[in-house]
């Protein structure tokens, strides 16, 4: 079971907790919440869960998929969500199974 709190992403005064059987499910729940409750324009979950070779590649991909260019609020929410759910380590663990 994975979970992430809205406050972990920098949204003050929100006690929402996204939960899922894995990181992807938790990310899907959080993306839906951020869009509906906080009007934050989030990218597709596939962009969030993908492993990128470096930060610049990630930001380029994000900019391509969000029009207009992603604002700082969106960038921070995505980066913090990726960190909170630790996608890189989860995918590495899955590949070892």
N, C-alpha and C. Protein backbone atom coordinates (compact mmCIF):
# COMPACT_ATOMS: atom_id res chain seq x y z
N UNK A 1 0.86 -1.18 0.00
CA UNK A 1 0.00 0.00 0.00
C UNK A 1 0.89 1.23 0.00
N UNK A 2 0.62 2.15 -0.90
CA UNK A 2 1.33 3.43 -0.98
C UNK A 2 0.36 4.55 -0.67
N UNK A 3 0.90 5.61 -0.07
CA UNK A 3 0.07 6.78 0.18
C UNK A 3 0.93 8.04 0.12
N UNK A 4 0.27 9.15 -0.20
CA UNK A 4 0.92 10.45 -0.24
C UNK A 4 -0.10 11.49 0.21
N UNK A 5 0.36 12.42 1.01
CA UNK A 5 -0.51 13.48 1.54
C UNK A 5 -0.38 14.73 0.68
N UNK A 6 -1.47 15.41 0.51
CA UNK A 6 -1.48 16.64 -0.27
C UNK A 6 -0.48 17.65 0.30
N UNK A 7 -0.41 17.72 1.62
CA UNK A 7 0.53 18.65 2.26
C UNK A 7 1.98 18.36 1.90
N UNK A 8 2.31 17.08 1.61
CA UNK A 8 3.67 16.73 1.19
C UNK A 8 4.04 17.39 -0.13
N UNK A 9 3.03 17.74 -0.91
CA UNK A 9 3.26 18.34 -2.22
C UNK A 9 3.27 19.86 -2.16
N UNK A 10 3.13 20.40 -0.96
CA UNK A 10 3.19 21.84 -0.80
C UNK A 10 1.84 22.53 -0.77
N UNK A 11 0.76 21.77 -0.72
CA UNK A 11 -0.58 22.35 -0.65
C UNK A 11 -0.96 22.48 0.83
N UNK A 12 -0.92 23.69 1.32
CA UNK A 12 -1.19 23.94 2.74
C UNK A 12 -2.67 23.76 3.05
N UNK A 13 -2.95 23.39 4.26
CA UNK A 13 -4.32 23.28 4.77
C UNK A 13 -5.20 22.30 4.00
N UNK A 14 -4.59 21.22 3.51
CA UNK A 14 -5.39 20.19 2.85
C UNK A 14 -4.99 18.85 3.47
N UNK A 15 -5.95 18.14 4.01
CA UNK A 15 -5.64 16.89 4.69
C UNK A 15 -5.92 15.65 3.83
N UNK A 16 -6.09 15.86 2.51
CA UNK A 16 -6.35 14.73 1.61
C UNK A 16 -5.15 13.79 1.58
N UNK A 17 -5.44 12.48 1.60
CA UNK A 17 -4.41 11.46 1.47
C UNK A 17 -4.79 10.55 0.31
N UNK A 18 -3.92 10.45 -0.68
CA UNK A 18 -4.14 9.55 -1.81
C UNK A 18 -3.53 8.20 -1.47
N UNK A 19 -4.29 7.14 -1.68
CA UNK A 19 -3.81 5.79 -1.38
C UNK A 19 -4.01 4.89 -2.59
N UNK A 20 -3.12 3.91 -2.69
CA UNK A 20 -3.25 2.93 -3.76
C UNK A 20 -2.48 1.68 -3.43
N UNK A 21 -2.78 0.61 -4.14
CA UNK A 21 -2.04 -0.64 -3.96
C UNK A 21 -0.57 -0.47 -4.34
N UNK A 22 -0.30 0.44 -5.27
CA UNK A 22 1.07 0.74 -5.66
C UNK A 22 1.19 2.24 -5.89
N UNK A 23 2.40 2.69 -6.24
CA UNK A 23 2.66 4.11 -6.41
C UNK A 23 1.82 4.71 -7.53
N UNK A 24 1.61 3.97 -8.60
CA UNK A 24 0.83 4.48 -9.72
C UNK A 24 -0.61 4.77 -9.30
N UNK A 25 -1.23 3.87 -8.57
CA UNK A 25 -2.61 4.08 -8.12
C UNK A 25 -2.70 5.29 -7.20
N UNK A 26 -1.73 5.44 -6.31
CA UNK A 26 -1.72 6.60 -5.42
C UNK A 26 -1.53 7.88 -6.23
N UNK A 27 -0.67 7.84 -7.25
CA UNK A 27 -0.45 9.01 -8.10
C UNK A 27 -1.72 9.37 -8.86
N UNK A 28 -2.43 8.37 -9.37
CA UNK A 28 -3.68 8.62 -10.09
C UNK A 28 -4.69 9.33 -9.19
N UNK A 29 -4.80 8.87 -7.96
CA UNK A 29 -5.74 9.49 -7.02
C UNK A 29 -5.32 10.92 -6.70
N UNK A 30 -4.02 11.13 -6.52
CA UNK A 30 -3.54 12.47 -6.19
C UNK A 30 -3.70 13.43 -7.37
N UNK A 31 -3.41 12.99 -8.57
CA UNK A 31 -3.57 13.84 -9.75
C UNK A 31 -5.03 14.28 -9.88
N UNK A 32 -5.94 13.35 -9.73
CA UNK A 32 -7.37 13.69 -9.81
C UNK A 32 -7.74 14.71 -8.74
N UNK A 33 -7.24 14.52 -7.53
CA UNK A 33 -7.53 15.45 -6.43
C UNK A 33 -6.95 16.83 -6.72
N UNK A 34 -5.70 16.90 -7.15
CA UNK A 34 -5.06 18.20 -7.42
C UNK A 34 -5.80 18.97 -8.50
N UNK A 35 -6.26 18.26 -9.52
CA UNK A 35 -6.99 18.92 -10.61
C UNK A 35 -8.36 19.40 -10.15
N UNK A 36 -9.08 18.54 -9.44
CA UNK A 36 -10.45 18.87 -9.05
C UNK A 36 -10.53 19.84 -7.88
N UNK A 37 -9.76 19.59 -6.84
CA UNK A 37 -9.88 20.39 -5.62
C UNK A 37 -9.03 21.65 -5.62
N UNK A 38 -7.91 21.63 -6.34
CA UNK A 38 -6.98 22.76 -6.28
C UNK A 38 -6.75 23.43 -7.62
N UNK A 39 -7.42 22.95 -8.66
CA UNK A 39 -7.32 23.55 -10.00
C UNK A 39 -5.87 23.64 -10.48
N UNK A 40 -5.09 22.58 -10.21
CA UNK A 40 -3.72 22.51 -10.69
C UNK A 40 -3.71 21.66 -11.95
N UNK A 41 -3.19 22.20 -13.03
CA UNK A 41 -3.14 21.51 -14.31
C UNK A 41 -2.02 20.47 -14.28
N UNK A 42 -2.39 19.21 -14.09
CA UNK A 42 -1.41 18.13 -13.97
C UNK A 42 -1.29 17.36 -15.27
N UNK A 43 -0.08 16.83 -15.54
CA UNK A 43 0.09 15.98 -16.72
C UNK A 43 -0.51 14.61 -16.50
N UNK A 44 -0.55 13.83 -17.55
CA UNK A 44 -1.01 12.45 -17.46
C UNK A 44 -0.11 11.68 -16.48
N UNK A 45 -0.68 10.73 -15.80
CA UNK A 45 0.07 9.95 -14.81
C UNK A 45 1.27 9.25 -15.45
N UNK A 46 1.17 8.86 -16.72
CA UNK A 46 2.30 8.20 -17.39
C UNK A 46 3.55 9.07 -17.36
N UNK A 47 3.39 10.37 -17.49
CA UNK A 47 4.52 11.29 -17.45
C UNK A 47 5.14 11.30 -16.06
N UNK A 48 4.31 11.23 -15.06
CA UNK A 48 4.79 11.29 -13.68
C UNK A 48 5.53 10.02 -13.28
N UNK A 49 5.04 8.87 -13.70
CA UNK A 49 5.64 7.62 -13.25
C UNK A 49 6.84 7.18 -14.08
N UNK A 50 7.04 7.76 -15.24
CA UNK A 50 8.17 7.38 -16.09
C UNK A 50 9.50 7.74 -15.42
N UNK A 51 10.50 6.90 -15.63
CA UNK A 51 11.84 7.18 -15.11
C UNK A 51 12.61 7.93 -16.20
N UNK A 52 13.17 9.08 -15.84
CA UNK A 52 13.91 9.92 -16.75
C UNK A 52 15.39 9.90 -16.39
N UNK A 53 16.27 10.05 -17.39
CA UNK A 53 17.70 10.00 -17.09
C UNK A 53 18.21 11.18 -16.26
N UNK A 54 17.52 12.32 -16.36
CA UNK A 54 17.95 13.50 -15.60
C UNK A 54 16.80 14.49 -15.50
N UNK A 55 16.98 15.49 -14.66
CA UNK A 55 15.95 16.50 -14.40
C UNK A 55 15.59 17.29 -15.65
N UNK A 56 16.58 17.62 -16.47
CA UNK A 56 16.32 18.42 -17.68
C UNK A 56 15.41 17.67 -18.65
N UNK A 57 15.67 16.38 -18.83
CA UNK A 57 14.83 15.57 -19.72
C UNK A 57 13.40 15.53 -19.20
N UNK A 58 13.25 15.36 -17.89
CA UNK A 58 11.93 15.35 -17.27
C UNK A 58 11.20 16.67 -17.52
N UNK A 59 11.88 17.81 -17.30
CA UNK A 59 11.24 19.11 -17.48
C UNK A 59 10.89 19.37 -18.94
N UNK A 60 11.74 18.91 -19.86
CA UNK A 60 11.43 19.05 -21.29
C UNK A 60 10.16 18.27 -21.64
N UNK A 61 10.06 17.05 -21.16
CA UNK A 61 8.88 16.22 -21.41
C UNK A 61 7.63 16.87 -20.83
N UNK A 62 7.75 17.38 -19.62
CA UNK A 62 6.64 18.04 -18.97
C UNK A 62 6.18 19.25 -19.77
N UNK A 63 7.12 20.05 -20.26
CA UNK A 63 6.79 21.25 -21.03
C UNK A 63 6.11 20.89 -22.35
N UNK A 64 6.47 19.76 -22.94
CA UNK A 64 5.87 19.34 -24.21
C UNK A 64 4.40 18.93 -24.03
N UNK A 65 4.08 18.42 -22.86
CA UNK A 65 2.76 17.84 -22.66
C UNK A 65 1.74 18.76 -22.00
N UNK A 66 2.19 19.85 -21.44
CA UNK A 66 1.27 20.78 -20.80
C UNK A 66 1.30 22.09 -21.56
N UNK A 67 0.14 22.53 -21.99
CA UNK A 67 0.02 23.78 -22.71
C UNK A 67 -0.89 24.70 -21.91
N UNK A 68 -0.49 25.92 -21.64
CA UNK A 68 0.82 26.48 -21.93
C UNK A 68 1.88 25.80 -21.07
N UNK A 69 3.13 26.23 -21.24
CA UNK A 69 4.23 25.62 -20.49
C UNK A 69 3.85 25.46 -19.03
N UNK A 70 4.33 24.39 -18.43
CA UNK A 70 3.95 24.14 -17.04
C UNK A 70 4.41 25.26 -16.12
N UNK A 71 3.53 25.67 -15.23
CA UNK A 71 3.91 26.71 -14.29
C UNK A 71 4.68 26.09 -13.13
N UNK A 72 5.24 26.92 -12.30
CA UNK A 72 6.06 26.45 -11.18
C UNK A 72 5.24 25.57 -10.22
N UNK A 73 3.97 25.91 -10.02
CA UNK A 73 3.12 25.12 -9.13
C UNK A 73 2.99 23.68 -9.63
N UNK A 74 2.77 23.52 -10.93
CA UNK A 74 2.65 22.19 -11.51
C UNK A 74 3.97 21.45 -11.43
N UNK A 75 5.05 22.12 -11.79
CA UNK A 75 6.36 21.47 -11.74
C UNK A 75 6.68 20.98 -10.34
N UNK A 76 6.45 21.82 -9.34
CA UNK A 76 6.72 21.43 -7.96
C UNK A 76 5.83 20.27 -7.52
N UNK A 77 4.55 20.31 -7.87
CA UNK A 77 3.64 19.24 -7.49
C UNK A 77 4.09 17.91 -8.09
N UNK A 78 4.47 17.92 -9.37
CA UNK A 78 4.90 16.69 -10.03
C UNK A 78 6.20 16.19 -9.42
N UNK A 79 7.17 17.06 -9.24
CA UNK A 79 8.45 16.64 -8.66
C UNK A 79 8.26 16.08 -7.26
N UNK A 80 7.48 16.75 -6.44
CA UNK A 80 7.26 16.28 -5.07
C UNK A 80 6.48 14.97 -5.05
N UNK A 81 5.54 14.81 -5.96
CA UNK A 81 4.78 13.56 -6.04
C UNK A 81 5.71 12.42 -6.43
N UNK A 82 6.58 12.64 -7.39
CA UNK A 82 7.54 11.61 -7.80
C UNK A 82 8.46 11.24 -6.63
N UNK A 83 8.89 12.24 -5.88
CA UNK A 83 9.77 11.97 -4.74
C UNK A 83 9.02 11.24 -3.63
N UNK A 84 7.83 11.70 -3.32
CA UNK A 84 7.07 11.11 -2.22
C UNK A 84 6.75 9.64 -2.48
N UNK A 85 6.47 9.31 -3.74
CA UNK A 85 6.12 7.94 -4.07
C UNK A 85 7.32 7.12 -4.55
N UNK A 86 8.48 7.76 -4.70
CA UNK A 86 9.75 7.08 -4.97
C UNK A 86 9.65 6.14 -6.17
N UNK A 87 9.25 6.68 -7.32
CA UNK A 87 9.04 5.86 -8.51
C UNK A 87 10.28 5.15 -8.99
N UNK A 88 11.44 5.80 -8.95
CA UNK A 88 12.65 5.17 -9.45
C UNK A 88 12.97 3.89 -8.68
N UNK A 89 12.90 3.96 -7.35
CA UNK A 89 13.21 2.78 -6.54
C UNK A 89 12.13 1.70 -6.67
N UNK A 90 10.88 2.11 -6.80
CA UNK A 90 9.82 1.11 -6.97
C UNK A 90 9.98 0.36 -8.28
N UNK A 91 10.33 1.06 -9.36
CA UNK A 91 10.51 0.38 -10.62
C UNK A 91 11.72 -0.54 -10.60
N UNK A 92 12.78 -0.13 -9.92
CA UNK A 92 13.96 -0.97 -9.79
C UNK A 92 13.60 -2.25 -9.02
N UNK A 93 12.82 -2.11 -7.98
CA UNK A 93 12.39 -3.28 -7.19
C UNK A 93 11.52 -4.20 -8.02
N UNK A 94 10.62 -3.63 -8.83
CA UNK A 94 9.76 -4.45 -9.69
C UNK A 94 10.58 -5.25 -10.68
N UNK A 95 11.63 -4.65 -11.22
CA UNK A 95 12.44 -5.34 -12.22
C UNK A 95 13.25 -6.49 -11.60
N UNK A 96 13.48 -6.44 -10.30
CA UNK A 96 14.22 -7.51 -9.62
C UNK A 96 13.31 -8.68 -9.25
N UNK A 97 12.02 -8.47 -9.30
CA UNK A 97 11.07 -9.54 -8.90
C UNK A 97 10.91 -10.55 -10.00
